[in-house]
PDB file of all heavy atoms in Angstrom:
ATOM      1  N   ILE A   1     104.475  85.415  82.555  1.00  0.00           N
ATOM      2  CA  ILE A   1     103.605  86.124  83.486  1.00  0.00           C
ATOM      3  C   ILE A   1     103.758  85.560  84.889  1.00  0.00           C
ATOM      4  O   ILE A   1     103.785  86.311  85.877  1.00  0.00           O
ATOM      5  CB  ILE A   1     102.131  86.029  83.031  1.00  0.00           C
ATOM      6  CG1 ILE A   1     101.871  86.983  81.864  1.00  0.00           C
ATOM      7  CG2 ILE A   1     101.186  86.358  84.175  1.00  0.00           C
ATOM      8  CD1 ILE A   1     100.444  86.977  81.394  1.00  0.00           C
ATOM      9  N   ALA A   2     103.850  84.246  85.011  1.00  0.00           N
ATOM     10  CA  ALA A   2     103.954  83.628  86.337  1.00  0.00           C
ATOM     11  C   ALA A   2     105.202  84.103  87.073  1.00  0.00           C
ATOM     12  O   ALA A   2     105.169  84.302  88.299  1.00  0.00           O
ATOM     13  CB  ALA A   2     103.952  82.104  86.214  1.00  0.00           C
ATOM     14  N   LEU A   3     106.290  84.305  86.356  1.00  0.00           N
ATOM     15  CA  LEU A   3     107.524  84.774  86.987  1.00  0.00           C
ATOM     16  C   LEU A   3     107.406  86.246  87.376  1.00  0.00           C
ATOM     17  O   LEU A   3     107.880  86.653  88.446  1.00  0.00           O
ATOM     18  CB  LEU A   3     108.711  84.569  86.046  1.00  0.00           C
ATOM     19  CG  LEU A   3     109.116  83.122  85.788  1.00  0.00           C
ATOM     20  CD1 LEU A   3     110.281  83.067  84.807  1.00  0.00           C
ATOM     21  CD2 LEU A   3     109.499  82.424  87.096  1.00  0.00           C
ATOM     22  N   HIS A   4     106.787  87.046  86.518  1.00  0.00           N
ATOM     23  CA  HIS A   4     106.613  88.446  86.862  1.00  0.00           C
ATOM     24  C   HIS A   4     105.688  88.593  88.064  1.00  0.00           C
ATOM     25  O   HIS A   4     105.901  89.460  88.929  1.00  0.00           O
ATOM     26  CB  HIS A   4     106.053  89.232  85.675  1.00  0.00           C
ATOM     27  CG  HIS A   4     106.039  90.708  85.893  1.00  0.00           C
ATOM     28  ND1 HIS A   4     104.883  91.389  86.204  1.00  0.00           N
ATOM     29  CD2 HIS A   4     107.037  91.632  85.878  1.00  0.00           C
ATOM     30  CE1 HIS A   4     105.169  92.677  86.360  1.00  0.00           C
ATOM     31  NE2 HIS A   4     106.464  92.846  86.167  1.00  0.00           N
ATOM     32  N   LEU A   5     104.669  87.745  88.147  1.00  0.00           N
ATOM     33  CA  LEU A   5     103.765  87.772  89.296  1.00  0.00           C
ATOM     34  C   LEU A   5     104.525  87.469  90.577  1.00  0.00           C
ATOM     35  O   LEU A   5     104.290  88.113  91.613  1.00  0.00           O
ATOM     36  CB  LEU A   5     102.632  86.769  89.084  1.00  0.00           C
ATOM     37  CG  LEU A   5     101.608  86.648  90.212  1.00  0.00           C
ATOM     38  CD1 LEU A   5     100.914  87.978  90.470  1.00  0.00           C
ATOM     39  CD2 LEU A   5     100.584  85.552  89.882  1.00  0.00           C
ATOM     40  N   LYS A   6     105.419  86.506  90.517  1.00  0.00           N
ATOM     41  CA  LYS A   6     106.251  86.188  91.693  1.00  0.00           C
ATOM     42  C   LYS A   6     107.055  87.412  92.117  1.00  0.00           C
ATOM     43  O   LYS A   6     107.123  87.743  93.311  1.00  0.00           O
ATOM     44  CB  LYS A   6     107.191  85.026  91.367  1.00  0.00           C
ATOM     45  CG  LYS A   6     108.238  84.732  92.447  1.00  0.00           C
ATOM     46  CD  LYS A   6     109.222  83.695  91.984  1.00  0.00           C
ATOM     47  CE  LYS A   6     110.108  84.176  90.866  1.00  0.00           C
ATOM     48  NZ  LYS A   6     111.048  85.246  91.299  1.00  0.00           N
ATOM     49  N   ASP A   7     107.650  88.097  91.154  1.00  0.00           N
ATOM     50  CA  ASP A   7     108.440  89.286  91.466  1.00  0.00           C
ATOM     51  C   ASP A   7     107.570  90.412  92.017  1.00  0.00           C
ATOM     52  O   ASP A   7     107.985  91.157  92.909  1.00  0.00           O
ATOM     53  CB  ASP A   7     109.183  89.768  90.215  1.00  0.00           C
ATOM     54  CG  ASP A   7     110.316  88.844  89.809  1.00  0.00           C
ATOM     55  OD1 ASP A   7     110.748  88.029  90.653  1.00  0.00           O
ATOM     56  OD2 ASP A   7     110.768  88.936  88.656  1.00  0.00           O
ATOM     57  N   LEU A   8     106.352  90.546  91.483  1.00  0.00           N
ATOM     58  CA  LEU A   8     105.453  91.575  91.989  1.00  0.00           C
ATOM     59  C   LEU A   8     105.061  91.301  93.436  1.00  0.00           C
ATOM     60  O   LEU A   8     104.907  92.230  94.235  1.00  0.00           O
ATOM     61  CB  LEU A   8     104.200  91.674  91.119  1.00  0.00           C
ATOM     62  CG  LEU A   8     104.268  92.583  89.897  1.00  0.00           C
ATOM     63  CD1 LEU A   8     102.897  92.699  89.254  1.00  0.00           C
ATOM     64  CD2 LEU A   8     104.798  93.971  90.244  1.00  0.00           C
ATOM     65  N   HIS A   9     104.878  90.030  93.785  1.00  0.00           N
ATOM     66  CA  HIS A   9     104.574  89.692  95.175  1.00  0.00           C
ATOM     67  C   HIS A   9     105.701  90.141  96.097  1.00  0.00           C
ATOM     68  O   HIS A   9     105.460  90.663  97.194  1.00  0.00           O
ATOM     69  CB  HIS A   9     104.347  88.187  95.313  1.00  0.00           C
ATOM     70  CG  HIS A   9     103.033  87.728  94.766  1.00  0.00           C
ATOM     71  ND1 HIS A   9     102.767  86.404  94.456  1.00  0.00           N
ATOM     72  CD2 HIS A   9     101.887  88.411  94.465  1.00  0.00           C
ATOM     73  CE1 HIS A   9     101.527  86.298  94.006  1.00  0.00           C
ATOM     74  NE2 HIS A   9     100.984  87.502  93.990  1.00  0.00           N
ATOM     75  N   ILE A  10     106.949  89.952  95.645  1.00  0.00           N
ATOM     76  CA  ILE A  10     108.108  90.408  96.420  1.00  0.00           C
ATOM     77  C   ILE A  10     108.077  91.921  96.559  1.00  0.00           C
ATOM     78  O   ILE A  10     108.293  92.473  97.651  1.00  0.00           O
ATOM     79  CB  ILE A  10     109.412  89.949  95.748  1.00  0.00           C
ATOM     80  CG1 ILE A  10     109.531  88.418  95.813  1.00  0.00           C
ATOM     81  CG2 ILE A  10     110.626  90.616  96.405  1.00  0.00           C
ATOM     82  CD1 ILE A  10     110.692  87.860  95.017  1.00  0.00           C
ATOM     83  N   ALA A  11     107.781  92.610  95.459  1.00  0.00           N
ATOM     84  CA  ALA A  11     107.746  94.077  95.480  1.00  0.00           C
ATOM     85  C   ALA A  11     106.636  94.595  96.381  1.00  0.00           C
ATOM     86  O   ALA A  11     106.825  95.558  97.140  1.00  0.00           O
ATOM     87  CB  ALA A  11     107.566  94.610  94.057  1.00  0.00           C
ATOM     88  N   LEU A  12     105.472  93.966  96.333  1.00  0.00           N
ATOM     89  CA  LEU A  12     104.346  94.420  97.148  1.00  0.00           C
ATOM     90  C   LEU A  12     104.598  94.159  98.627  1.00  0.00           C
ATOM     91  O   LEU A  12     104.205  94.967  99.482  1.00  0.00           O
ATOM     92  CB  LEU A  12     103.059  93.726  96.688  1.00  0.00           C
ATOM     93  CG  LEU A  12     102.545  94.180  95.317  1.00  0.00           C
ATOM     94  CD1 LEU A  12     101.450  93.246  94.814  1.00  0.00           C
ATOM     95  CD2 LEU A  12     102.039  95.620  95.376  1.00  0.00           C
ATOM     96  N   GLU A  13     105.260  93.057  98.930  1.00  0.00           N
ATOM     97  CA  GLU A  13     105.619  92.794 100.328  1.00  0.00           C
ATOM     98  C   GLU A  13     106.638  93.816 100.822  1.00  0.00           C
ATOM     99  O   GLU A  13     106.537  94.310 101.946  1.00  0.00           O
ATOM    100  CB  GLU A  13     106.183  91.369 100.448  1.00  0.00           C
ATOM    101  CG  GLU A  13     106.632  91.000 101.857  1.00  0.00           C
ATOM    102  CD  GLU A  13     105.504  91.069 102.882  1.00  0.00           C
ATOM    103  OE1 GLU A  13     104.336  90.842 102.503  1.00  0.00           O
ATOM    104  OE2 GLU A  13     105.808  91.360 104.069  1.00  0.00           O
ATOM    105  N   MET A  14     107.607  94.136  99.963  1.00  0.00           N
ATOM    106  CA  MET A  14     108.584  95.157 100.320  1.00  0.00           C
ATOM    107  C   MET A  14     107.895  96.495 100.532  1.00  0.00           C
ATOM    108  O   MET A  14     108.223  97.239 101.467  1.00  0.00           O
ATOM    109  CB  MET A  14     109.628  95.272  99.200  1.00  0.00           C
ATOM    110  CG  MET A  14     110.814  96.179  99.523  1.00  0.00           C
ATOM    111  SD  MET A  14     112.089  96.093  98.236  1.00  0.00           S
ATOM    112  CE  MET A  14     111.349  97.154  96.991  1.00  0.00           C
ATOM    113  N   ALA A  15     106.906  96.803  99.694  1.00  0.00           N
ATOM    114  CA  ALA A  15     106.174  98.055  99.826  1.00  0.00           C
ATOM    115  C   ALA A  15     105.412  98.121 101.149  1.00  0.00           C
ATOM    116  O   ALA A  15     105.361  99.170 101.804  1.00  0.00           O
ATOM    117  CB  ALA A  15     105.208  98.224  98.653  1.00  0.00           C
ATOM    118  N   ARG A  16     104.818  97.006 101.546  1.00  0.00           N
ATOM    119  CA  ARG A  16     104.111  96.983 102.829  1.00  0.00           C
ATOM    120  C   ARG A  16     105.061  97.223 103.989  1.00  0.00           C
ATOM    121  O   ARG A  16     104.736  97.925 104.950  1.00  0.00           O
ATOM    122  CB  ARG A  16     103.387  95.642 103.001  1.00  0.00           C
ATOM    123  CG  ARG A  16     102.087  95.534 102.222  1.00  0.00           C
ATOM    124  CD  ARG A  16     101.308  94.291 102.594  1.00  0.00           C
ATOM    125  NE  ARG A  16     101.941  93.088 102.061  1.00  0.00           N
ATOM    126  CZ  ARG A  16     101.657  92.567 100.879  1.00  0.00           C
ATOM    127  NH1 ARG A  16     100.766  93.142 100.091  1.00  0.00           N
ATOM    128  NH2 ARG A  16     102.257  91.462 100.476  1.00  0.00           N
ATOM    129  N   GLU A  17     106.248  96.660 103.884  1.00  0.00           N
ATOM    130  CA  GLU A  17     107.226  96.795 104.962  1.00  0.00           C
ATOM    131  C   GLU A  17     107.711  98.231 105.124  1.00  0.00           C
ATOM    132  O   GLU A  17     107.966  98.685 106.248  1.00  0.00           O
ATOM    133  CB  GLU A  17     108.417  95.863 104.716  1.00  0.00           C
ATOM    134  CG  GLU A  17     108.070  94.383 104.851  1.00  0.00           C
ATOM    135  CD  GLU A  17     109.236  93.487 104.486  1.00  0.00           C
ATOM    136  OE1 GLU A  17     110.299  94.034 104.083  1.00  0.00           O
ATOM    137  OE2 GLU A  17     109.100  92.256 104.600  1.00  0.00           O
ATOM    138  N   VAL A  18     107.843  98.955 104.013  1.00  0.00           N
ATOM    139  CA  VAL A  18     108.379 100.320 104.086  1.00  0.00           C
ATOM    140  C   VAL A  18     107.297 101.387 104.031  1.00  0.00           C
ATOM    141  O   VAL A  18     107.578 102.584 104.138  1.00  0.00           O
ATOM    142  CB  VAL A  18     109.419 100.562 102.962  1.00  0.00           C
ATOM    143  CG1 VAL A  18     110.562  99.569 103.074  1.00  0.00           C
ATOM    144  CG2 VAL A  18     108.767 100.494 101.579  1.00  0.00           C
ATOM    145  N   GLY A  19     106.032 100.974 103.828  1.00  0.00           N
ATOM    146  CA  GLY A  19     104.944 101.930 103.802  1.00  0.00           C
ATOM    147  C   GLY A  19     104.782 102.664 102.492  1.00  0.00           C
ATOM    148  O   GLY A  19     104.386 103.825 102.470  1.00  0.00           O
ATOM    149  N   ALA A  20     105.083 101.985 101.371  1.00  0.00           N
ATOM    150  CA  ALA A  20     104.928 102.589 100.044  1.00  0.00           C
ATOM    151  C   ALA A  20     103.634 102.098  99.403  1.00  0.00           C
ATOM    152  O   ALA A  20     103.304 100.909  99.480  1.00  0.00           O
ATOM    153  CB  ALA A  20     106.113 102.243  99.151  1.00  0.00           C
ATOM    154  N   ALA A  21     102.897 102.997  98.773  1.00  0.00           N
ATOM    155  CA  ALA A  21     101.656 102.646  98.081  1.00  0.00           C
ATOM    156  C   ALA A  21     101.957 102.322  96.621  1.00  0.00           C
ATOM    157  O   ALA A  21     102.560 103.137  95.924  1.00  0.00           O
ATOM    158  CB  ALA A  21     100.657 103.793  98.169  1.00  0.00           C
ATOM    159  N   LEU A  22     101.536 101.153  96.166  1.00  0.00           N
ATOM    160  CA  LEU A  22     101.777 100.726  94.784  1.00  0.00           C
ATOM    161  C   LEU A  22     100.446 100.317  94.144  1.00  0.00           C
ATOM    162  O   LEU A  22     100.206  99.136  93.876  1.00  0.00           O
ATOM    163  CB  LEU A  22     102.765  99.554  94.737  1.00  0.00           C
ATOM    164  CG  LEU A  22     104.121  99.733  95.411  1.00  0.00           C
ATOM    165  CD1 LEU A  22     104.954  98.464  95.242  1.00  0.00           C
ATOM    166  CD2 LEU A  22     104.853 100.942  94.839  1.00  0.00           C
ATOM    167  N   PRO A  23      99.556 101.265  93.871  1.00  0.00           N
ATOM    168  CA  PRO A  23      98.222 100.898  93.352  1.00  0.00           C
ATOM    169  C   PRO A  23      98.256 100.226  91.992  1.00  0.00           C
ATOM    170  O   PRO A  23      97.487  99.287  91.747  1.00  0.00           O
ATOM    171  CB  PRO A  23      97.489 102.243  93.307  1.00  0.00           C
ATOM    172  CG  PRO A  23      98.569 103.284  93.255  1.00  0.00           C
ATOM    173  CD  PRO A  23      99.698 102.729  94.052  1.00  0.00           C
ATOM    174  N   VAL A  24      99.117 100.691  91.090  1.00  0.00           N
ATOM    175  CA  VAL A  24      99.173 100.090  89.752  1.00  0.00           C
ATOM    176  C   VAL A  24      99.734  98.668  89.827  1.00  0.00           C
ATOM    177  O   VAL A  24      99.220  97.749  89.186  1.00  0.00           O
ATOM    178  CB  VAL A  24     100.019 100.958  88.801  1.00  0.00           C
ATOM    179  CG1 VAL A  24     100.183 100.267  87.447  1.00  0.00           C
ATOM    180  CG2 VAL A  24      99.379 102.330  88.621  1.00  0.00           C
ATOM    181  N   SER A  25     100.769  98.481  90.631  1.00  0.00           N
ATOM    182  CA  SER A  25     101.356  97.148  90.773  1.00  0.00           C
ATOM    183  C   SER A  25     100.376  96.182  91.424  1.00  0.00           C
ATOM    184  O   SER A  25     100.319  94.994  91.063  1.00  0.00           O
ATOM    185  CB  SER A  25     102.640  97.225  91.599  1.00  0.00           C
ATOM    186  OG  SER A  25     103.616  97.988  90.930  1.00  0.00           O
ATOM    187  N   ALA A  26      99.608  96.671  92.386  1.00  0.00           N
ATOM    188  CA  ALA A  26      98.606  95.823  93.027  1.00  0.00           C
ATOM    189  C   ALA A  26      97.555  95.386  92.012  1.00  0.00           C
ATOM    190  O   ALA A  26      97.138  94.216  91.982  1.00  0.00           O
ATOM    191  CB  ALA A  26      97.954  96.572  94.191  1.00  0.00           C
ATOM    192  N   MET A  27      97.135  96.314  91.150  1.00  0.00           N
ATOM    193  CA  MET A  27      96.169  95.973  90.107  1.00  0.00           C
ATOM    194  C   MET A  27      96.773  94.972  89.125  1.00  0.00           C
ATOM    195  O   MET A  27      96.123  93.989  88.741  1.00  0.00           O
ATOM    196  CB  MET A  27      95.737  97.229  89.355  1.00  0.00           C
ATOM    197  CG  MET A  27      94.743  96.958  88.229  1.00  0.00           C
ATOM    198  SD  MET A  27      94.382  98.451  87.256  1.00  0.00           S
ATOM    199  CE  MET A  27      93.684  99.502  88.533  1.00  0.00           C
ATOM    200  N   ALA A  28      98.025  95.222  88.724  1.00  0.00           N
ATOM    201  CA  ALA A  28      98.689  94.315  87.780  1.00  0.00           C
ATOM    202  C   ALA A  28      98.803  92.910  88.365  1.00  0.00           C
ATOM    203  O   ALA A  28      98.611  91.915  87.658  1.00  0.00           O
ATOM    204  CB  ALA A  28     100.068  94.855  87.415  1.00  0.00           C
ATOM    205  N   SER A  29      99.112  92.814  89.649  1.00  0.00           N
ATOM    206  CA  SER A  29      99.255  91.494  90.273  1.00  0.00           C
ATOM    207  C   SER A  29      97.926  90.748  90.269  1.00  0.00           C
ATOM    208  O   SER A  29      97.889  89.531  90.066  1.00  0.00           O
ATOM    209  CB  SER A  29      99.799  91.629  91.692  1.00  0.00           C
ATOM    210  OG  SER A  29      98.835  92.173  92.576  1.00  0.00           O
ATOM    211  N   GLN A  30      96.822  91.450  90.467  1.00  0.00           N
ATOM    212  CA  GLN A  30      95.516  90.802  90.437  1.00  0.00           C
ATOM    213  C   GLN A  30      95.174  90.322  89.027  1.00  0.00           C
ATOM    214  O   GLN A  30      94.644  89.219  88.844  1.00  0.00           O
ATOM    215  CB  GLN A  30      94.448  91.774  90.934  1.00  0.00           C
ATOM    216  CG  GLN A  30      94.576  92.113  92.415  1.00  0.00           C
ATOM    217  CD  GLN A  30      93.540  93.138  92.863  1.00  0.00           C
ATOM    218  OE1 GLN A  30      92.641  93.493  92.108  1.00  0.00           O
ATOM    219  NE2 GLN A  30      93.671  93.606  94.091  1.00  0.00           N
ATOM    220  N   ILE A  31      95.485  91.162  88.036  1.00  0.00           N
ATOM    221  CA  ILE A  31      95.229  90.765  86.651  1.00  0.00           C
ATOM    222  C   ILE A  31      96.081  89.555  86.282  1.00  0.00           C
ATOM    223  O   ILE A  31      95.599  88.583  85.671  1.00  0.00           O
ATOM    224  CB  ILE A  31      95.513  91.935  85.688  1.00  0.00           C
ATOM    225  CG1 ILE A  31      94.570  93.104  85.975  1.00  0.00           C
ATOM    226  CG2 ILE A  31      95.368  91.483  84.238  1.00  0.00           C
ATOM    227  CD1 ILE A  31      94.918  94.380  85.215  1.00  0.00           C
ATOM    228  N   GLU A  32      97.352  89.590  86.657  1.00  0.00           N
ATOM    229  CA  GLU A  32      98.248  88.485  86.337  1.00  0.00           C
ATOM    230  C   GLU A  32      97.825  87.205  87.053  1.00  0.00           C
ATOM    231  O   GLU A  32      97.888  86.113  86.478  1.00  0.00           O
ATOM    232  CB  GLU A  32      99.682  88.861  86.699  1.00  0.00           C
ATOM    233  CG  GLU A  32     100.254  89.935  85.781  1.00  0.00           C
ATOM    234  CD  GLU A  32     101.677  90.334  86.143  1.00  0.00           C
ATOM    235  OE1 GLU A  32     102.251  89.719  87.073  1.00  0.00           O
ATOM    236  OE2 GLU A  32     102.220  91.250  85.512  1.00  0.00           O
ATOM    237  N   ALA A  33      97.399  87.333  88.302  1.00  0.00           N
ATOM    238  CA  ALA A  33      96.932  86.149  89.040  1.00  0.00           C
ATOM    239  C   ALA A  33      95.727  85.526  88.325  1.00  0.00           C
ATOM    240  O   ALA A  33      95.603  84.290  88.247  1.00  0.00           O
ATOM    241  CB  ALA A  33      96.579  86.526  90.476  1.00  0.00           C
ATOM    242  N   GLY A  34      94.835  86.372  87.806  1.00  0.00           N
ATOM    243  CA  GLY A  34      93.695  85.856  87.064  1.00  0.00           C
ATOM    244  C   GLY A  34      94.108  85.142  85.789  1.00  0.00           C
ATOM    245  O   GLY A  34      93.563  84.087  85.443  1.00  0.00           O
ATOM    246  N   LEU A  35      95.091  85.692  85.090  1.00  0.00           N
ATOM    247  CA  LEU A  35      95.581  85.052  83.860  1.00  0.00           C
ATOM    248  C   LEU A  35      96.255  83.719  84.165  1.00  0.00           C
ATOM    249  O   LEU A  35      96.070  82.740  83.439  1.00  0.00           O
ATOM    250  CB  LEU A  35      96.560  85.988  83.145  1.00  0.00           C
ATOM    251  CG  LEU A  35      95.924  87.225  82.485  1.00  0.00           C
ATOM    252  CD1 LEU A  35      97.001  88.230  82.085  1.00  0.00           C
ATOM    253  CD2 LEU A  35      95.090  86.826  81.268  1.00  0.00           C
ATOM    254  N   VAL A  36      97.034  83.684  85.239  1.00  0.00           N
ATOM    255  CA  VAL A  36      97.675  82.425  85.638  1.00  0.00           C
ATOM    256  C   VAL A  36      96.611  81.381  85.971  1.00  0.00           C
ATOM    257  O   VAL A  36      96.708  80.212  85.569  1.00  0.00           O
ATOM    258  CB  VAL A  36      98.617  82.653  86.838  1.00  0.00           C
ATOM    259  CG1 VAL A  36      99.098  81.316  87.410  1.00  0.00           C
ATOM    260  CG2 VAL A  36      99.810  83.509  86.422  1.00  0.00           C
ATOM    261  N   ALA A  37      95.569  81.785  86.690  1.00  0.00           N
ATOM    262  CA  ALA A  37      94.502  80.863  87.065  1.00  0.00           C
ATOM    263  C   ALA A  37      93.772  80.318  85.836  1.00  0.00           C
ATOM    264  O   ALA A  37      93.250  79.194  85.855  1.00  0.00           O
ATOM    265  CB  ALA A  37      93.509  81.561  87.994  1.00  0.00           C
ATOM    266  N   ARG A  38      93.750  81.102  84.764  1.00  0.00           N
ATOM    267  CA  ARG A  38      93.088  80.680  83.521  1.00  0.00           C
ATOM    268  C   ARG A  38      94.012  79.869  82.617  1.00  0.00           C
ATOM    269  O   ARG A  38      93.611  79.463  81.529  1.00  0.00           O
ATOM    270  CB  ARG A  38      92.567  81.902  82.767  1.00  0.00           C
ATOM    271  CG  ARG A  38      91.419  82.618  83.478  1.00  0.00           C
ATOM    272  CD  ARG A  38      91.176  83.991  82.874  1.00  0.00           C
ATOM    273  NE  ARG A  38      90.880  83.937  81.444  1.00  0.00           N
ATOM    274  CZ  ARG A  38      90.868  85.009  80.651  1.00  0.00           C
ATOM    275  NH1 ARG A  38      91.157  86.209  81.137  1.00  0.00           N
ATOM    276  NH2 ARG A  38      90.590  84.882  79.365  1.00  0.00           N
ATOM    277  N   GLY A  39      95.236  79.640  83.057  1.00  0.00           N
ATOM    278  CA  GLY A  39      96.159  78.801  82.296  1.00  0.00           C
ATOM    279  C   GLY A  39      97.106  79.540  81.388  1.00  0.00           C
ATOM    280  O   GLY A  39      97.751  78.931  80.526  1.00  0.00           O
ATOM    281  N   TYR A  40      97.247  80.859  81.584  1.00  0.00           N
ATOM    282  CA  TYR A  40      98.112  81.654  80.714  1.00  0.00           C
ATOM    283  C   TYR A  40      99.440  82.032  81.373  1.00  0.00           C
ATOM    284  O   TYR A  40     100.130  82.930  80.899  1.00  0.00           O
ATOM    285  CB  TYR A  40      97.385  82.929  80.279  1.00  0.00           C
ATOM    286  CG  TYR A  40      96.131  82.684  79.480  1.00  0.00           C
ATOM    287  CD1 TYR A  40      94.900  83.167  79.921  1.00  0.00           C
ATOM    288  CD2 TYR A  40      96.172  81.966  78.293  1.00  0.00           C
ATOM    289  CE1 TYR A  40      93.739  82.952  79.189  1.00  0.00           C
ATOM    290  CE2 TYR A  40      95.018  81.736  77.554  1.00  0.00           C
ATOM    291  CZ  TYR A  40      93.802  82.233  78.011  1.00  0.00           C
ATOM    292  OH  TYR A  40      92.657  82.008  77.278  1.00  0.00           O
TER     293      TYR A  40
END
């Protein structure tokens, strides 16, 4: 999960740069960040 979260951060930054909306990916990144914070 920690590696996928890193990749999602790259994707979300790329989306901001090009003006693409990624609502599902943004939600997934928040969920994954919470799991990482809980030790998973």
